[in-house]
Amino acid sequence: MAEGFARALKGDVIEPYSAGVAPYRLSAKATTVMAEAGVDISKQYSKDVYDLFEIHFDYVITVCDNARESCPVFPGHATKVVHFGFEDPPFLAKDAKTEEEALSHYRRVRDEIKNFVEKLPGILDQLSK
């Protein structure tokens, strides 16, 4: 979701990439709630952080606490690595009793991510202190 918002809202100043320490398929629920927000992420796919090893990044932003814990040192090239944690929608939704309840978790996190991306790149200096 963060990559989708970065492309849609800040594509003129940010070249976003998204990868994980344990990538898995794109969530249909994430695709649904992003479409509700006017952002199509259906063409995005899960990449492994090592797939981006050759790229030099100005910033690497971890958005999942699991990523921060599993990979406390970014294995590639980055000027700065900062963390801004969001709850994991699949984890939050796993015990949902209805589809709507599950989607509500995704929507809340989606809106938090959007709020964060709207503040980029200015917020990065604050995060890296």
N, C-alpha and C. Protein backbone atom coordinates (compact mmCIF):
# COMPACT_ATOMS: atom_id res chain seq x y z
N MET A 1 0.83 -1.18 0.00
CA MET A 1 0.00 0.00 0.00
C MET A 1 0.88 1.26 0.00
N ALA A 2 1.98 1.21 0.72
CA ALA A 2 2.86 2.38 0.77
C ALA A 2 3.45 2.68 -0.61
N GLU A 3 3.87 1.65 -1.32
CA GLU A 3 4.40 1.87 -2.67
C GLU A 3 3.32 2.47 -3.56
N GLY A 4 2.12 1.95 -3.48
CA GLY A 4 1.02 2.47 -4.30
C GLY A 4 0.74 3.93 -4.04
N PHE A 5 0.65 4.30 -2.77
CA PHE A 5 0.42 5.71 -2.44
C PHE A 5 1.61 6.58 -2.84
N ALA A 6 2.83 6.08 -2.65
CA ALA A 6 4.00 6.87 -3.04
C ALA A 6 3.99 7.14 -4.54
N ARG A 7 3.65 6.13 -5.32
CA ARG A 7 3.58 6.33 -6.78
C ARG A 7 2.46 7.31 -7.15
N ALA A 8 1.29 7.15 -6.53
CA ALA A 8 0.13 7.96 -6.87
C ALA A 8 0.24 9.40 -6.37
N LEU A 9 0.75 9.58 -5.17
CA LEU A 9 0.75 10.91 -4.55
C LEU A 9 2.07 11.66 -4.68
N LYS A 10 3.16 10.94 -4.78
CA LYS A 10 4.48 11.58 -4.74
C LYS A 10 5.39 11.11 -5.87
N GLY A 11 4.81 10.55 -6.92
CA GLY A 11 5.59 10.00 -8.01
C GLY A 11 6.51 11.00 -8.69
N ASP A 12 6.23 12.30 -8.54
CA ASP A 12 7.08 13.32 -9.13
C ASP A 12 8.35 13.59 -8.31
N VAL A 13 8.38 13.16 -7.05
CA VAL A 13 9.55 13.41 -6.20
C VAL A 13 10.12 12.15 -5.55
N ILE A 14 9.40 11.04 -5.65
CA ILE A 14 9.84 9.79 -5.03
C ILE A 14 9.78 8.67 -6.06
N GLU A 15 10.84 7.88 -6.11
CA GLU A 15 10.84 6.67 -6.93
C GLU A 15 10.74 5.49 -5.96
N PRO A 16 9.53 5.03 -5.69
CA PRO A 16 9.35 4.02 -4.65
C PRO A 16 9.61 2.59 -5.13
N TYR A 17 10.11 1.79 -4.22
CA TYR A 17 10.26 0.36 -4.40
C TYR A 17 9.70 -0.28 -3.14
N SER A 18 9.19 -1.47 -3.28
CA SER A 18 8.67 -2.17 -2.13
C SER A 18 9.23 -3.58 -2.13
N ALA A 19 9.69 -4.01 -0.98
CA ALA A 19 10.22 -5.37 -0.85
C ALA A 19 10.07 -5.81 0.59
N GLY A 20 10.16 -7.10 0.79
CA GLY A 20 10.00 -7.61 2.13
C GLY A 20 11.06 -8.63 2.49
N VAL A 21 11.15 -8.92 3.77
CA VAL A 21 12.10 -9.93 4.23
C VAL A 21 11.52 -11.32 4.04
N ALA A 22 10.21 -11.41 3.90
CA ALA A 22 9.53 -12.68 3.62
C ALA A 22 8.37 -12.37 2.68
N PRO A 23 8.67 -12.08 1.41
CA PRO A 23 7.61 -11.67 0.49
C PRO A 23 6.60 -12.77 0.23
N TYR A 24 5.36 -12.34 0.05
CA TYR A 24 4.30 -13.27 -0.30
C TYR A 24 3.35 -12.56 -1.25
N ARG A 25 2.36 -13.28 -1.72
CA ARG A 25 1.49 -12.72 -2.76
C ARG A 25 0.78 -11.46 -2.29
N LEU A 26 0.43 -10.63 -3.25
CA LEU A 26 -0.29 -9.40 -2.98
C LEU A 26 -1.67 -9.73 -2.42
N SER A 27 -2.04 -9.07 -1.38
CA SER A 27 -3.32 -9.31 -0.72
C SER A 27 -4.47 -8.75 -1.54
N ALA A 28 -5.46 -9.59 -1.80
CA ALA A 28 -6.66 -9.14 -2.50
C ALA A 28 -7.39 -8.05 -1.69
N LYS A 29 -7.34 -8.16 -0.39
CA LYS A 29 -7.99 -7.15 0.46
C LYS A 29 -7.27 -5.80 0.34
N ALA A 30 -5.95 -5.84 0.29
CA ALA A 30 -5.19 -4.60 0.11
C ALA A 30 -5.53 -3.98 -1.25
N THR A 31 -5.60 -4.80 -2.28
CA THR A 31 -5.96 -4.31 -3.61
C THR A 31 -7.34 -3.67 -3.59
N THR A 32 -8.28 -4.29 -2.91
CA THR A 32 -9.65 -3.79 -2.81
C THR A 32 -9.70 -2.43 -2.12
N VAL A 33 -9.07 -2.32 -0.95
CA VAL A 33 -9.17 -1.05 -0.21
C VAL A 33 -8.38 0.06 -0.88
N MET A 34 -7.31 -0.29 -1.57
CA MET A 34 -6.58 0.74 -2.32
C MET A 34 -7.40 1.22 -3.51
N ALA A 35 -8.11 0.32 -4.17
CA ALA A 35 -8.98 0.72 -5.27
C ALA A 35 -10.07 1.67 -4.76
N GLU A 36 -10.58 1.41 -3.57
CA GLU A 36 -11.56 2.31 -2.96
C GLU A 36 -11.00 3.72 -2.80
N ALA A 37 -9.69 3.80 -2.58
CA ALA A 37 -9.02 5.09 -2.40
C ALA A 37 -8.54 5.67 -3.73
N GLY A 38 -8.85 4.98 -4.83
CA GLY A 38 -8.48 5.48 -6.15
C GLY A 38 -7.08 5.12 -6.61
N VAL A 39 -6.46 4.13 -5.97
CA VAL A 39 -5.10 3.73 -6.33
C VAL A 39 -5.11 2.26 -6.74
N ASP A 40 -4.64 1.99 -7.95
CA ASP A 40 -4.59 0.62 -8.48
C ASP A 40 -3.23 0.01 -8.16
N ILE A 41 -3.21 -0.99 -7.29
CA ILE A 41 -1.95 -1.68 -6.99
C ILE A 41 -1.96 -3.10 -7.55
N SER A 42 -2.92 -3.40 -8.40
CA SER A 42 -3.08 -4.77 -8.89
C SER A 42 -1.89 -5.28 -9.69
N LYS A 43 -1.07 -4.38 -10.23
CA LYS A 43 0.10 -4.79 -11.00
C LYS A 43 1.36 -4.91 -10.14
N GLN A 44 1.27 -4.49 -8.89
CA GLN A 44 2.41 -4.62 -7.99
C GLN A 44 2.56 -6.09 -7.61
N TYR A 45 3.76 -6.45 -7.22
CA TYR A 45 4.00 -7.82 -6.77
C TYR A 45 5.03 -7.80 -5.65
N SER A 46 5.01 -8.83 -4.87
CA SER A 46 5.89 -8.93 -3.73
C SER A 46 7.31 -9.27 -4.18
N LYS A 47 8.26 -8.48 -3.71
CA LYS A 47 9.66 -8.69 -4.05
C LYS A 47 10.46 -8.95 -2.77
N ASP A 48 11.54 -9.66 -2.91
CA ASP A 48 12.44 -9.91 -1.79
C ASP A 48 13.43 -8.75 -1.71
N VAL A 49 13.78 -8.35 -0.52
CA VAL A 49 14.71 -7.24 -0.33
C VAL A 49 16.03 -7.48 -1.07
N TYR A 50 16.42 -8.73 -1.21
CA TYR A 50 17.67 -9.04 -1.91
C TYR A 50 17.55 -8.85 -3.43
N ASP A 51 16.32 -8.78 -3.95
CA ASP A 51 16.13 -8.49 -5.37
C ASP A 51 16.52 -7.06 -5.71
N LEU A 52 16.59 -6.20 -4.71
CA LEU A 52 16.91 -4.80 -4.91
C LEU A 52 18.32 -4.45 -4.45
N PHE A 53 19.12 -5.46 -4.28
CA PHE A 53 20.45 -5.30 -3.69
C PHE A 53 21.34 -4.33 -4.46
N GLU A 54 21.23 -4.28 -5.77
CA GLU A 54 22.12 -3.45 -6.59
C GLU A 54 21.73 -1.97 -6.63
N ILE A 55 20.55 -1.63 -6.15
CA ILE A 55 20.07 -0.25 -6.21
C ILE A 55 20.58 0.52 -5.00
N HIS A 56 21.07 1.74 -5.24
CA HIS A 56 21.46 2.61 -4.13
C HIS A 56 20.27 3.50 -3.77
N PHE A 57 19.84 3.43 -2.54
CA PHE A 57 18.68 4.18 -2.07
C PHE A 57 19.12 5.36 -1.22
N ASP A 58 18.44 6.48 -1.38
CA ASP A 58 18.64 7.60 -0.47
C ASP A 58 18.05 7.24 0.89
N TYR A 59 16.86 6.68 0.86
CA TYR A 59 16.18 6.27 2.09
C TYR A 59 15.61 4.87 1.92
N VAL A 60 15.71 4.09 2.97
CA VAL A 60 14.96 2.85 3.09
C VAL A 60 14.07 3.06 4.30
N ILE A 61 12.77 2.90 4.08
CA ILE A 61 11.81 3.09 5.15
C ILE A 61 11.16 1.75 5.43
N THR A 62 11.38 1.22 6.61
CA THR A 62 10.67 0.00 6.99
C THR A 62 9.35 0.43 7.61
N VAL A 63 8.29 -0.25 7.20
CA VAL A 63 6.96 0.12 7.69
C VAL A 63 6.31 -0.99 8.50
N CYS A 64 6.99 -2.10 8.62
CA CYS A 64 6.46 -3.25 9.35
C CYS A 64 7.44 -3.59 10.47
N ASP A 65 6.93 -3.73 11.67
CA ASP A 65 7.82 -4.05 12.79
C ASP A 65 8.55 -5.37 12.58
N ASN A 66 7.90 -6.33 11.93
CA ASN A 66 8.55 -7.61 11.65
C ASN A 66 9.77 -7.40 10.76
N ALA A 67 9.68 -6.53 9.78
CA ALA A 67 10.82 -6.26 8.90
C ALA A 67 11.96 -5.65 9.70
N ARG A 68 11.63 -4.74 10.59
CA ARG A 68 12.65 -4.09 11.40
C ARG A 68 13.36 -5.10 12.30
N GLU A 69 12.59 -6.04 12.86
CA GLU A 69 13.17 -7.05 13.74
C GLU A 69 13.93 -8.11 12.97
N SER A 70 13.41 -8.52 11.81
CA SER A 70 14.03 -9.58 11.03
C SER A 70 15.26 -9.11 10.28
N CYS A 71 15.30 -7.84 9.97
CA CYS A 71 16.38 -7.31 9.15
C CYS A 71 16.80 -5.95 9.72
N PRO A 72 17.42 -5.94 10.91
CA PRO A 72 17.75 -4.67 11.56
C PRO A 72 18.78 -3.85 10.79
N VAL A 73 19.53 -4.50 9.91
CA VAL A 73 20.50 -3.81 9.07
C VAL A 73 20.12 -4.09 7.63
N PHE A 74 19.84 -3.05 6.86
CA PHE A 74 19.48 -3.22 5.46
C PHE A 74 20.67 -3.81 4.71
N PRO A 75 20.47 -4.91 3.98
CA PRO A 75 21.59 -5.60 3.34
C PRO A 75 22.09 -4.93 2.07
N GLY A 76 21.40 -3.92 1.58
CA GLY A 76 21.79 -3.26 0.34
C GLY A 76 22.49 -1.94 0.61
N HIS A 77 22.33 -1.02 -0.32
CA HIS A 77 22.99 0.28 -0.25
C HIS A 77 21.94 1.35 0.06
N ALA A 78 22.12 2.02 1.19
CA ALA A 78 21.17 3.06 1.58
C ALA A 78 21.90 4.15 2.34
N THR A 79 21.58 5.40 2.01
CA THR A 79 22.15 6.53 2.73
C THR A 79 21.60 6.58 4.15
N LYS A 80 20.27 6.39 4.27
CA LYS A 80 19.63 6.39 5.59
C LYS A 80 18.57 5.30 5.63
N VAL A 81 18.47 4.66 6.78
CA VAL A 81 17.41 3.68 7.02
C VAL A 81 16.60 4.18 8.21
N VAL A 82 15.30 4.31 8.02
CA VAL A 82 14.42 4.79 9.08
C VAL A 82 13.23 3.84 9.20
N HIS A 83 12.59 3.87 10.35
CA HIS A 83 11.44 3.00 10.58
C HIS A 83 10.23 3.84 10.95
N PHE A 84 9.12 3.49 10.34
CA PHE A 84 7.84 4.06 10.71
C PHE A 84 6.84 2.91 10.66
N GLY A 85 6.47 2.42 11.81
CA GLY A 85 5.71 1.18 11.89
C GLY A 85 4.21 1.35 11.73
N PHE A 86 3.64 0.42 10.99
CA PHE A 86 2.19 0.29 10.85
C PHE A 86 1.82 -1.12 11.25
N GLU A 87 0.64 -1.27 11.80
CA GLU A 87 0.17 -2.62 12.12
C GLU A 87 -0.01 -3.40 10.82
N ASP A 88 0.09 -4.71 10.92
CA ASP A 88 0.02 -5.60 9.77
C ASP A 88 -1.44 -5.98 9.50
N PRO A 89 -2.04 -5.48 8.41
CA PRO A 89 -3.46 -5.78 8.16
C PRO A 89 -3.80 -7.27 8.10
N PRO A 90 -3.00 -8.12 7.44
CA PRO A 90 -3.36 -9.54 7.45
C PRO A 90 -3.40 -10.12 8.86
N PHE A 91 -2.48 -9.71 9.70
CA PHE A 91 -2.49 -10.18 11.09
C PHE A 91 -3.73 -9.69 11.82
N LEU A 92 -4.06 -8.42 11.65
CA LEU A 92 -5.24 -7.84 12.31
C LEU A 92 -6.52 -8.52 11.84
N ALA A 93 -6.57 -8.87 10.56
CA ALA A 93 -7.80 -9.40 9.96
C ALA A 93 -7.96 -10.91 10.10
N LYS A 94 -6.95 -11.59 10.58
CA LYS A 94 -6.99 -13.07 10.57
C LYS A 94 -8.13 -13.64 11.41
N ASP A 95 -8.55 -12.95 12.45
CA ASP A 95 -9.63 -13.47 13.28
C ASP A 95 -10.96 -12.74 13.05
N ALA A 96 -11.02 -11.96 11.95
CA ALA A 96 -12.25 -11.23 11.65
C ALA A 96 -13.39 -12.21 11.40
N LYS A 97 -14.54 -11.86 11.87
CA LYS A 97 -15.70 -12.75 11.73
C LYS A 97 -16.42 -12.55 10.40
N THR A 98 -16.20 -11.37 9.78
CA THR A 98 -16.83 -11.09 8.48
C THR A 98 -15.79 -10.45 7.55
N GLU A 99 -16.10 -10.48 6.28
CA GLU A 99 -15.25 -9.80 5.29
C GLU A 99 -15.19 -8.31 5.57
N GLU A 100 -16.30 -7.73 5.93
CA GLU A 100 -16.34 -6.30 6.22
C GLU A 100 -15.46 -5.95 7.43
N GLU A 101 -15.49 -6.79 8.43
CA GLU A 101 -14.63 -6.56 9.60
C GLU A 101 -13.16 -6.64 9.20
N ALA A 102 -12.82 -7.61 8.37
CA ALA A 102 -11.44 -7.74 7.89
C ALA A 102 -11.03 -6.50 7.10
N LEU A 103 -11.91 -6.08 6.19
CA LEU A 103 -11.60 -4.91 5.37
C LEU A 103 -11.46 -3.65 6.21
N SER A 104 -12.16 -3.57 7.32
CA SER A 104 -12.04 -2.38 8.17
C SER A 104 -10.63 -2.23 8.72
N HIS A 105 -9.96 -3.33 9.01
CA HIS A 105 -8.56 -3.26 9.46
C HIS A 105 -7.68 -2.73 8.33
N TYR A 106 -7.88 -3.26 7.15
CA TYR A 106 -7.10 -2.80 5.99
C TYR A 106 -7.34 -1.32 5.72
N ARG A 107 -8.58 -0.89 5.82
CA ARG A 107 -8.90 0.52 5.56
C ARG A 107 -8.23 1.45 6.57
N ARG A 108 -8.24 1.05 7.82
CA ARG A 108 -7.60 1.90 8.85
C ARG A 108 -6.11 2.04 8.59
N VAL A 109 -5.45 0.93 8.33
CA VAL A 109 -4.01 0.98 8.07
C VAL A 109 -3.73 1.71 6.76
N ARG A 110 -4.57 1.48 5.75
CA ARG A 110 -4.44 2.21 4.47
C ARG A 110 -4.45 3.71 4.71
N ASP A 111 -5.40 4.19 5.51
CA ASP A 111 -5.53 5.62 5.77
C ASP A 111 -4.33 6.15 6.55
N GLU A 112 -3.80 5.35 7.47
CA GLU A 112 -2.60 5.75 8.21
C GLU A 112 -1.41 5.86 7.26
N ILE A 113 -1.28 4.91 6.35
CA ILE A 113 -0.18 4.93 5.38
C ILE A 113 -0.32 6.14 4.47
N LYS A 114 -1.52 6.40 4.00
CA LYS A 114 -1.74 7.56 3.13
C LYS A 114 -1.32 8.84 3.84
N ASN A 115 -1.73 8.99 5.08
CA ASN A 115 -1.36 10.17 5.87
C ASN A 115 0.16 10.32 5.96
N PHE A 116 0.85 9.20 6.17
CA PHE A 116 2.31 9.22 6.24
C PHE A 116 2.91 9.63 4.90
N VAL A 117 2.45 9.02 3.82
CA VAL A 117 3.02 9.31 2.49
C VAL A 117 2.79 10.76 2.10
N GLU A 118 1.65 11.31 2.47
CA GLU A 118 1.37 12.71 2.15
C GLU A 118 2.40 13.65 2.77
N LYS A 119 3.05 13.23 3.85
CA LYS A 119 4.04 14.06 4.54
C LYS A 119 5.45 13.88 3.99
N LEU A 120 5.61 12.96 3.05
CA LEU A 120 6.92 12.72 2.45
C LEU A 120 7.23 13.80 1.41
N PRO A 121 8.46 14.13 1.17
CA PRO A 121 9.67 13.63 1.83
C PRO A 121 10.03 14.38 3.10
N GLY A 122 9.31 15.45 3.43
CA GLY A 122 9.67 16.28 4.57
C GLY A 122 9.82 15.56 5.89
N ILE A 123 8.99 14.58 6.15
CA ILE A 123 9.02 13.86 7.43
C ILE A 123 10.29 13.01 7.59
N LEU A 124 10.98 12.72 6.51
CA LEU A 124 12.14 11.84 6.60
C LEU A 124 13.25 12.39 7.48
N ASP A 125 13.45 13.70 7.44
CA ASP A 125 14.48 14.29 8.31
C ASP A 125 14.14 14.08 9.78
N GLN A 126 12.88 14.17 10.13
CA GLN A 126 12.47 13.95 11.52
C GLN A 126 12.64 12.48 11.92
N LEU A 127 12.32 11.58 11.01
CA LEU A 127 12.42 10.14 11.31
C LEU A 127 13.86 9.68 11.47
N SER A 128 14.78 10.32 10.77
CA SER A 128 16.16 9.84 10.79
C SER A 128 16.97 10.42 11.94
N LYS A 129 16.34 11.22 12.79
CA LYS A 129 17.06 11.80 13.94
C LYS A 129 17.06 10.88 15.11
